[in-house]
Amino acid sequence: MSWWSWLFGGRKKVRAKIDWLEIENRKKQIDAIAAQNNQLAFKQAIIESDKLIDSIMKQLAVGATFADRLKTLRPKFSRSSYDQLWKAHIKRNELVHDNGSFVADWELSTYMRTYRETVSILRGISLQ
C-alpha cells in the first residue's frame, strides 16, 4: 500500500477473527495448572497466560514483539490496566530468563487477575 492510499483511506479496517471459545478453553486449562499449588505450576500458569495474551494481541496489532504490540494497543487500555500488564509481562520475562526466580502466592493471584482482565479488554477491542 502506498503512502498516498494510506493517507487518503485506501486502507481497509479488518476485524480480527479470534476464536473466543478456544480462548476460554485455554483460560480454563491455565486455571487448572495454577490450582496445582506448586512453584512449577505457578510459573507455568504465568508463562502460559502471557502467551495467551500475546496470541490475541498478534491478531489485533502489528509489532515484532509482545512489547511492540502492547505499545500499539496502549490507547485502548486504561493507565492502570496497561501498567499492570507490563508488570505481569516483566514477571514472565523474569521467570523465563532467571533460573532462580520465584512466584509468591500474592504475585500469582495478582498477575492471573491482570491476565483475565486483559482478555476482557482485548475482547472489547476485537469487537470495535
Foldseek 3Di string as FASTA:
>chain_A
DDPVCVVVPVDDDDQFDDDVVVLVVLLVVLVVLVVVPDFVSLLVSLLSLLVSLQVLLVRVADDDDPVRSLVVCVVLDDPVLSVLQVVSVVLNVCSVPPVPDTADPVNSVSSSVSSVVSVVSSVVSSVD
